[in-house]
């Protein structure tokens, strides 16, 4: 699976960056999140997710997510290992912030998934239903915060 999508957020790159690396903000926006813990501050997390349509599935899976590369206010790359029993499905992705104006940023999301004969079809259906709502929630949070200030 290759996911590429862009979401426009009315906020500065610095505000988006800060929210992306704030585990409390991200955990509030993550569809299907059951529990999480920080493994390495602002870098690596262990998540327990309800896996299914928009995070509403009954299957709970552990996921380890790690920010691999970070260029503040511009670009971040991440990796995730989704565990299905003794099988692991690797997912890699990136977030690129392209500022159109001071407070208007196009956020480009990408995700690529490893091939697994059993789990790839399920992950192909689920991953976009988690990643896109995650960043739409982030957009709503930031735009509300900016509006309230």
N, C-alpha and C. Protein backbone atom coordinates (compact mmCIF):
# COMPACT_ATOMS: atom_id res chain seq x y z
N UNK A 1 0.83 -1.17 0.00
CA UNK A 1 0.00 0.00 0.00
C UNK A 1 0.88 1.24 0.00
N UNK A 2 0.54 2.18 -0.81
CA UNK A 2 1.16 3.49 -0.80
C UNK A 2 0.06 4.51 -0.60
N UNK A 3 0.16 5.28 0.46
CA UNK A 3 -0.79 6.33 0.76
C UNK A 3 -0.07 7.66 0.58
N UNK A 4 -0.67 8.56 -0.17
CA UNK A 4 -0.18 9.93 -0.30
C UNK A 4 -1.40 10.82 -0.25
N UNK A 5 -1.44 11.72 0.71
CA UNK A 5 -2.56 12.65 0.80
C UNK A 5 -2.05 13.96 1.38
N UNK A 6 -2.78 15.02 1.11
CA UNK A 6 -2.41 16.34 1.62
C UNK A 6 -3.59 16.94 2.36
N UNK A 7 -3.30 17.51 3.52
CA UNK A 7 -4.31 18.18 4.33
C UNK A 7 -3.81 19.60 4.59
N UNK A 8 -4.66 20.59 4.33
CA UNK A 8 -4.28 21.98 4.58
C UNK A 8 -4.69 22.36 6.00
N UNK A 9 -3.76 22.93 6.74
CA UNK A 9 -4.01 23.34 8.13
C UNK A 9 -3.71 24.83 8.24
N UNK A 10 -4.65 25.56 8.83
CA UNK A 10 -4.46 27.00 9.05
C UNK A 10 -3.74 27.20 10.38
N UNK A 11 -2.44 27.03 10.33
CA UNK A 11 -1.55 27.20 11.48
C UNK A 11 -0.14 27.35 10.93
N UNK A 12 0.75 27.79 11.78
CA UNK A 12 2.14 27.94 11.33
C UNK A 12 2.83 26.58 11.34
N UNK A 13 3.90 26.43 10.56
CA UNK A 13 4.65 25.18 10.61
C UNK A 13 5.13 24.84 12.03
N UNK A 14 5.54 25.85 12.79
CA UNK A 14 6.02 25.60 14.16
C UNK A 14 4.90 25.04 15.04
N UNK A 15 3.67 25.56 14.89
CA UNK A 15 2.55 25.05 15.68
C UNK A 15 2.23 23.61 15.31
N UNK A 16 2.25 23.31 14.02
CA UNK A 16 1.97 21.94 13.57
C UNK A 16 3.05 21.00 14.09
N UNK A 17 4.29 21.42 13.96
CA UNK A 17 5.41 20.60 14.42
C UNK A 17 5.28 20.29 15.90
N UNK A 18 5.00 21.33 16.68
CA UNK A 18 4.88 21.14 18.13
C UNK A 18 3.76 20.14 18.45
N UNK A 19 2.63 20.26 17.78
CA UNK A 19 1.50 19.35 18.02
C UNK A 19 1.84 17.92 17.60
N UNK A 20 2.53 17.76 16.46
CA UNK A 20 2.90 16.42 15.98
C UNK A 20 3.78 15.68 16.97
N UNK A 21 4.61 16.40 17.68
CA UNK A 21 5.54 15.77 18.62
C UNK A 21 5.05 15.85 20.07
N UNK A 22 3.80 16.25 20.25
CA UNK A 22 3.19 16.27 21.59
C UNK A 22 2.35 15.01 21.75
N UNK A 23 2.80 14.06 22.56
CA UNK A 23 2.06 12.80 22.66
C UNK A 23 0.64 12.96 23.19
N UNK A 24 0.38 13.96 24.01
CA UNK A 24 -0.98 14.15 24.52
C UNK A 24 -1.93 14.60 23.41
N UNK A 25 -1.49 15.52 22.57
CA UNK A 25 -2.33 15.96 21.45
C UNK A 25 -2.55 14.81 20.48
N UNK A 26 -1.48 14.13 20.11
CA UNK A 26 -1.61 13.04 19.15
C UNK A 26 -2.45 11.90 19.71
N UNK A 27 -2.33 11.61 21.00
CA UNK A 27 -3.12 10.50 21.56
C UNK A 27 -4.60 10.84 21.58
N UNK A 28 -4.94 12.10 21.77
CA UNK A 28 -6.36 12.49 21.73
C UNK A 28 -6.94 12.37 20.32
N UNK A 29 -6.09 12.48 19.32
CA UNK A 29 -6.56 12.45 17.94
C UNK A 29 -6.47 11.07 17.28
N UNK A 30 -5.79 10.13 17.88
CA UNK A 30 -5.55 8.82 17.25
C UNK A 30 -6.80 7.95 17.31
N UNK A 31 -7.43 7.67 16.15
CA UNK A 31 -8.61 6.80 16.13
C UNK A 31 -8.25 5.39 16.60
N UNK A 32 -9.06 4.84 17.47
CA UNK A 32 -8.87 3.46 17.90
C UNK A 32 -7.80 3.24 18.95
N UNK A 33 -7.24 4.33 19.49
CA UNK A 33 -6.19 4.18 20.49
C UNK A 33 -6.80 3.69 21.81
N UNK A 34 -6.29 2.58 22.31
CA UNK A 34 -6.75 2.02 23.58
C UNK A 34 -5.83 2.47 24.71
N UNK A 35 -4.52 2.41 24.46
CA UNK A 35 -3.54 2.76 25.48
C UNK A 35 -2.23 3.12 24.77
N UNK A 36 -1.36 3.85 25.45
CA UNK A 36 -0.06 4.18 24.88
C UNK A 36 0.94 4.45 25.99
N UNK A 37 2.19 4.30 25.65
CA UNK A 37 3.27 4.68 26.56
C UNK A 37 4.43 5.22 25.74
N UNK A 38 5.13 6.16 26.32
CA UNK A 38 6.28 6.76 25.67
C UNK A 38 7.51 5.91 25.98
N UNK A 39 8.16 5.40 24.95
CA UNK A 39 9.36 4.58 25.13
C UNK A 39 10.61 5.44 25.18
N UNK A 40 10.61 6.50 24.38
CA UNK A 40 11.72 7.44 24.31
C UNK A 40 11.08 8.82 24.11
N UNK A 41 11.35 9.79 24.99
CA UNK A 41 10.64 11.07 24.95
C UNK A 41 10.60 11.71 23.56
N UNK A 42 9.37 11.99 23.13
CA UNK A 42 9.07 12.67 21.86
C UNK A 42 9.68 11.97 20.64
N UNK A 43 9.95 10.66 20.78
CA UNK A 43 10.58 9.94 19.68
C UNK A 43 9.97 8.57 19.42
N UNK A 44 9.70 7.79 20.46
CA UNK A 44 9.21 6.42 20.26
C UNK A 44 8.08 6.11 21.23
N UNK A 45 7.07 5.41 20.71
CA UNK A 45 5.86 5.12 21.49
C UNK A 45 5.39 3.70 21.24
N UNK A 46 4.82 3.10 22.27
CA UNK A 46 4.14 1.81 22.12
C UNK A 46 2.65 2.10 22.26
N UNK A 47 1.89 1.69 21.25
CA UNK A 47 0.45 1.92 21.23
C UNK A 47 -0.27 0.58 21.28
N UNK A 48 -1.47 0.60 21.83
CA UNK A 48 -2.38 -0.53 21.71
C UNK A 48 -3.59 0.02 20.96
N UNK A 49 -3.85 -0.55 19.79
CA UNK A 49 -4.87 -0.02 18.89
C UNK A 49 -6.00 -1.02 18.67
N UNK A 50 -7.23 -0.49 18.56
CA UNK A 50 -8.32 -1.27 18.00
C UNK A 50 -8.13 -1.21 16.50
N UNK A 51 -7.92 -2.35 15.87
CA UNK A 51 -7.61 -2.40 14.45
C UNK A 51 -8.88 -2.73 13.69
N UNK A 52 -9.24 -1.88 12.78
CA UNK A 52 -10.43 -2.09 11.96
C UNK A 52 -10.83 -0.77 11.35
N UNK A 53 -12.03 -0.71 10.80
CA UNK A 53 -12.51 0.49 10.14
C UNK A 53 -12.50 1.67 11.10
N UNK A 54 -11.70 2.67 10.80
CA UNK A 54 -11.58 3.91 11.58
C UNK A 54 -11.31 3.63 13.05
N UNK A 55 -10.59 2.55 13.33
CA UNK A 55 -10.22 2.25 14.71
C UNK A 55 -11.33 1.67 15.54
N UNK A 56 -12.38 1.17 14.91
CA UNK A 56 -13.51 0.65 15.67
C UNK A 56 -13.52 -0.87 15.75
N UNK A 57 -12.51 -1.52 15.22
CA UNK A 57 -12.49 -2.98 15.19
C UNK A 57 -12.30 -3.59 16.57
N UNK A 58 -12.57 -4.86 16.66
CA UNK A 58 -12.46 -5.58 17.93
C UNK A 58 -11.07 -6.15 18.15
N UNK A 59 -10.26 -6.23 17.10
CA UNK A 59 -8.92 -6.78 17.21
C UNK A 59 -7.99 -5.72 17.78
N UNK A 60 -7.36 -6.01 18.92
CA UNK A 60 -6.41 -5.07 19.50
C UNK A 60 -5.00 -5.51 19.13
N UNK A 61 -4.24 -4.59 18.58
CA UNK A 61 -2.88 -4.91 18.14
C UNK A 61 -1.89 -3.91 18.74
N UNK A 62 -0.72 -4.41 19.14
CA UNK A 62 0.33 -3.50 19.59
C UNK A 62 1.07 -2.92 18.38
N UNK A 63 1.42 -1.65 18.51
CA UNK A 63 2.13 -0.94 17.45
C UNK A 63 3.26 -0.15 18.12
N UNK A 64 4.46 -0.26 17.58
CA UNK A 64 5.57 0.57 18.05
C UNK A 64 5.85 1.57 16.94
N UNK A 65 5.77 2.86 17.30
CA UNK A 65 5.98 3.95 16.34
C UNK A 65 7.22 4.74 16.77
N UNK A 66 8.06 5.05 15.79
CA UNK A 66 9.28 5.80 16.09
C UNK A 66 9.51 6.86 15.02
N UNK A 67 9.76 8.09 15.47
CA UNK A 67 10.19 9.13 14.55
C UNK A 67 11.64 8.84 14.20
N UNK A 68 11.95 8.66 12.93
CA UNK A 68 13.30 8.29 12.48
C UNK A 68 14.15 9.49 12.11
N UNK A 69 13.53 10.47 11.51
CA UNK A 69 14.25 11.65 11.03
C UNK A 69 13.36 12.85 11.27
N UNK A 70 13.97 13.95 11.66
CA UNK A 70 13.18 15.15 11.92
C UNK A 70 13.96 16.40 11.53
N UNK A 71 13.38 17.19 10.64
CA UNK A 71 13.89 18.50 10.28
C UNK A 71 12.82 19.47 10.76
N UNK A 72 13.03 20.12 11.92
CA UNK A 72 11.97 20.92 12.54
C UNK A 72 11.26 21.86 11.57
N UNK A 73 9.94 21.86 11.70
CA UNK A 73 9.02 22.71 10.94
C UNK A 73 8.97 22.37 9.45
N UNK A 74 9.62 21.28 9.02
CA UNK A 74 9.66 20.95 7.59
C UNK A 74 9.29 19.51 7.27
N UNK A 75 9.97 18.56 7.92
CA UNK A 75 9.87 17.17 7.47
C UNK A 75 10.14 16.21 8.63
N UNK A 76 9.38 15.13 8.67
CA UNK A 76 9.64 14.06 9.64
C UNK A 76 9.34 12.72 8.98
N UNK A 77 10.18 11.74 9.26
CA UNK A 77 9.96 10.38 8.77
C UNK A 77 9.73 9.48 9.98
N UNK A 78 8.86 8.49 9.81
CA UNK A 78 8.52 7.59 10.91
C UNK A 78 8.48 6.15 10.42
N UNK A 79 8.60 5.25 11.37
CA UNK A 79 8.43 3.82 11.11
C UNK A 79 7.48 3.28 12.17
N UNK A 80 6.72 2.28 11.79
CA UNK A 80 5.81 1.62 12.73
C UNK A 80 5.88 0.12 12.48
N UNK A 81 5.88 -0.63 13.55
CA UNK A 81 5.80 -2.08 13.46
C UNK A 81 4.48 -2.50 14.10
N UNK A 82 3.60 -3.04 13.29
CA UNK A 82 2.29 -3.51 13.75
C UNK A 82 2.41 -5.01 13.98
N UNK A 83 2.10 -5.44 15.20
CA UNK A 83 2.24 -6.86 15.54
C UNK A 83 0.90 -7.57 15.51
N UNK A 84 0.87 -8.63 14.73
CA UNK A 84 -0.28 -9.52 14.68
C UNK A 84 0.21 -10.88 15.18
N UNK A 85 0.10 -11.12 16.47
CA UNK A 85 0.65 -12.36 17.03
C UNK A 85 2.16 -12.35 16.87
N UNK A 86 2.69 -13.39 16.23
CA UNK A 86 4.14 -13.47 16.03
C UNK A 86 4.58 -12.82 14.72
N UNK A 87 3.63 -12.26 13.97
CA UNK A 87 3.94 -11.59 12.70
C UNK A 87 4.00 -10.08 12.90
N UNK A 88 4.92 -9.45 12.20
CA UNK A 88 5.06 -7.99 12.26
C UNK A 88 4.92 -7.42 10.86
N UNK A 89 4.11 -6.38 10.75
CA UNK A 89 3.93 -5.69 9.49
C UNK A 89 4.60 -4.32 9.60
N UNK A 90 5.69 -4.08 8.86
CA UNK A 90 6.35 -2.77 8.93
C UNK A 90 5.63 -1.74 8.05
N UNK A 91 5.53 -0.54 8.59
CA UNK A 91 4.95 0.58 7.85
C UNK A 91 5.93 1.75 8.00
N UNK A 92 6.24 2.42 6.91
CA UNK A 92 7.08 3.61 6.97
C UNK A 92 6.29 4.77 6.39
N UNK A 93 6.64 5.96 6.80
CA UNK A 93 5.93 7.11 6.27
C UNK A 93 6.66 8.40 6.56
N UNK A 94 6.05 9.47 6.09
CA UNK A 94 6.63 10.79 6.30
C UNK A 94 5.54 11.84 6.38
N UNK A 95 5.92 12.96 6.95
CA UNK A 95 5.07 14.14 7.03
C UNK A 95 5.92 15.30 6.54
N UNK A 96 5.44 15.99 5.50
CA UNK A 96 6.16 17.14 4.96
C UNK A 96 5.26 18.37 5.11
N UNK A 97 5.82 19.43 5.71
CA UNK A 97 5.08 20.67 5.90
C UNK A 97 5.50 21.66 4.81
N UNK A 98 4.55 22.04 3.97
CA UNK A 98 4.80 22.99 2.88
C UNK A 98 3.99 24.25 3.15
N UNK A 99 4.64 25.28 3.65
CA UNK A 99 3.95 26.52 4.00
C UNK A 99 3.58 27.30 2.74
N UNK A 100 2.28 27.57 2.59
CA UNK A 100 1.81 28.45 1.51
C UNK A 100 1.91 29.90 1.96
N UNK A 101 1.55 30.10 3.22
CA UNK A 101 1.58 31.42 3.86
C UNK A 101 2.11 31.21 5.27
N UNK A 102 2.22 32.29 6.03
CA UNK A 102 2.73 32.19 7.40
C UNK A 102 1.90 31.23 8.23
N UNK A 103 0.59 31.26 8.06
CA UNK A 103 -0.29 30.43 8.88
C UNK A 103 -1.20 29.55 8.02
N UNK A 104 -0.68 29.06 6.91
CA UNK A 104 -1.42 28.12 6.06
C UNK A 104 -0.42 27.13 5.49
N UNK A 105 -0.57 25.87 5.92
CA UNK A 105 0.42 24.86 5.58
C UNK A 105 -0.26 23.65 4.95
N UNK A 106 0.29 23.20 3.84
CA UNK A 106 -0.14 21.93 3.25
C UNK A 106 0.71 20.83 3.89
N UNK A 107 0.04 19.91 4.57
CA UNK A 107 0.71 18.80 5.24
C UNK A 107 0.57 17.58 4.35
N UNK A 108 1.69 17.12 3.80
CA UNK A 108 1.67 15.95 2.92
C UNK A 108 2.03 14.71 3.74
N UNK A 109 1.12 13.75 3.76
CA UNK A 109 1.32 12.50 4.48
C UNK A 109 1.61 11.39 3.49
N UNK A 110 2.60 10.58 3.79
CA UNK A 110 2.85 9.39 2.98
C UNK A 110 2.97 8.20 3.91
N UNK A 111 2.61 7.04 3.41
CA UNK A 111 2.80 5.78 4.15
C UNK A 111 3.01 4.67 3.14
N UNK A 112 3.96 3.81 3.43
CA UNK A 112 4.23 2.64 2.60
C UNK A 112 4.25 1.43 3.53
N UNK A 113 3.65 0.37 3.06
CA UNK A 113 3.51 -0.81 3.88
C UNK A 113 4.23 -1.99 3.27
N UNK A 114 4.87 -2.77 4.12
CA UNK A 114 5.50 -4.01 3.67
C UNK A 114 4.44 -5.00 3.21
N UNK A 115 4.85 -5.94 2.39
CA UNK A 115 3.91 -6.94 1.88
C UNK A 115 3.84 -8.12 2.84
N UNK A 116 2.64 -8.49 3.20
CA UNK A 116 2.40 -9.67 4.02
C UNK A 116 1.15 -10.34 3.46
N UNK A 117 1.22 -11.62 3.11
CA UNK A 117 0.10 -12.25 2.40
C UNK A 117 -1.22 -12.25 3.17
N UNK A 118 -1.16 -12.26 4.48
CA UNK A 118 -2.40 -12.31 5.25
C UNK A 118 -2.83 -10.93 5.71
N UNK A 119 -1.90 -10.14 6.25
CA UNK A 119 -2.27 -8.90 6.92
C UNK A 119 -2.26 -7.66 6.03
N UNK A 120 -1.57 -7.70 4.90
CA UNK A 120 -1.52 -6.52 4.03
C UNK A 120 -2.90 -6.05 3.57
N UNK A 121 -3.80 -6.95 3.13
CA UNK A 121 -5.12 -6.46 2.70
C UNK A 121 -5.87 -5.74 3.82
N UNK A 122 -5.82 -6.28 5.03
CA UNK A 122 -6.50 -5.64 6.15
C UNK A 122 -5.85 -4.29 6.47
N UNK A 123 -4.53 -4.25 6.47
CA UNK A 123 -3.83 -3.01 6.76
C UNK A 123 -4.05 -1.97 5.67
N UNK A 124 -4.13 -2.41 4.41
CA UNK A 124 -4.39 -1.47 3.31
C UNK A 124 -5.71 -0.76 3.51
N UNK A 125 -6.70 -1.45 4.05
CA UNK A 125 -8.01 -0.84 4.30
C UNK A 125 -8.01 0.03 5.54
N UNK A 126 -7.23 -0.34 6.54
CA UNK A 126 -7.30 0.33 7.83
C UNK A 126 -6.38 1.54 7.94
N UNK A 127 -5.16 1.46 7.47
CA UNK A 127 -4.18 2.53 7.68
C UNK A 127 -4.68 3.90 7.22
N UNK A 128 -5.26 4.05 6.02
CA UNK A 128 -5.75 5.37 5.63
C UNK A 128 -6.88 5.87 6.53
N UNK A 129 -7.65 4.94 7.09
CA UNK A 129 -8.76 5.32 7.96
C UNK A 129 -8.28 5.73 9.34
N UNK A 130 -7.02 5.50 9.62
CA UNK A 130 -6.42 5.97 10.87
C UNK A 130 -5.61 7.24 10.63
N UNK A 131 -4.74 7.23 9.62
CA UNK A 131 -3.83 8.36 9.40
C UNK A 131 -4.55 9.64 8.98
N UNK A 132 -5.49 9.54 8.05
CA UNK A 132 -6.18 10.75 7.58
C UNK A 132 -7.01 11.38 8.70
N UNK A 133 -7.85 10.62 9.44
CA UNK A 133 -8.58 11.22 10.55
C UNK A 133 -7.66 11.77 11.65
N UNK A 134 -6.51 11.13 11.86
CA UNK A 134 -5.55 11.62 12.85
C UNK A 134 -5.14 13.05 12.52
N UNK A 135 -4.79 13.31 11.26
CA UNK A 135 -4.34 14.64 10.89
C UNK A 135 -5.50 15.62 10.71
N UNK A 136 -6.69 15.14 10.39
CA UNK A 136 -7.85 16.03 10.37
C UNK A 136 -8.19 16.49 11.78
N UNK A 137 -8.05 15.60 12.76
CA UNK A 137 -8.26 15.98 14.15
C UNK A 137 -7.19 16.97 14.60
N UNK A 138 -5.95 16.72 14.20
CA UNK A 138 -4.87 17.65 14.51
C UNK A 138 -5.17 19.02 13.93
N UNK A 139 -5.68 19.04 12.69
CA UNK A 139 -6.06 20.32 12.06
C UNK A 139 -7.14 21.01 12.88
N UNK A 140 -8.18 20.28 13.28
CA UNK A 140 -9.27 20.86 14.07
C UNK A 140 -8.75 21.41 15.39
N UNK A 141 -7.87 20.67 16.03
CA UNK A 141 -7.28 21.12 17.31
C UNK A 141 -6.51 22.42 17.12
N UNK A 142 -5.65 22.47 16.11
CA UNK A 142 -4.82 23.66 15.90
C UNK A 142 -5.65 24.86 15.47
N UNK A 143 -6.60 24.65 14.58
CA UNK A 143 -7.41 25.77 14.10
C UNK A 143 -8.30 26.31 15.21
N UNK A 144 -8.81 25.43 16.08
CA UNK A 144 -9.61 25.88 17.22
C UNK A 144 -8.73 26.66 18.20
N UNK A 145 -7.53 26.14 18.45
CA UNK A 145 -6.60 26.82 19.35
C UNK A 145 -6.26 28.21 18.81
N UNK A 146 -6.01 28.31 17.51
CA UNK A 146 -5.70 29.61 16.91
C UNK A 146 -6.89 30.55 16.95
N UNK A 147 -8.09 30.01 16.76
CA UNK A 147 -9.30 30.82 16.77
C UNK A 147 -9.58 31.36 18.17
N UNK A 148 -9.32 30.53 19.19
CA UNK A 148 -9.58 30.92 20.58
C UNK A 148 -8.58 31.95 21.09
N UNK A 149 -7.41 32.03 20.45
CA UNK A 149 -6.37 32.97 20.92
C UNK A 149 -6.52 34.32 20.31
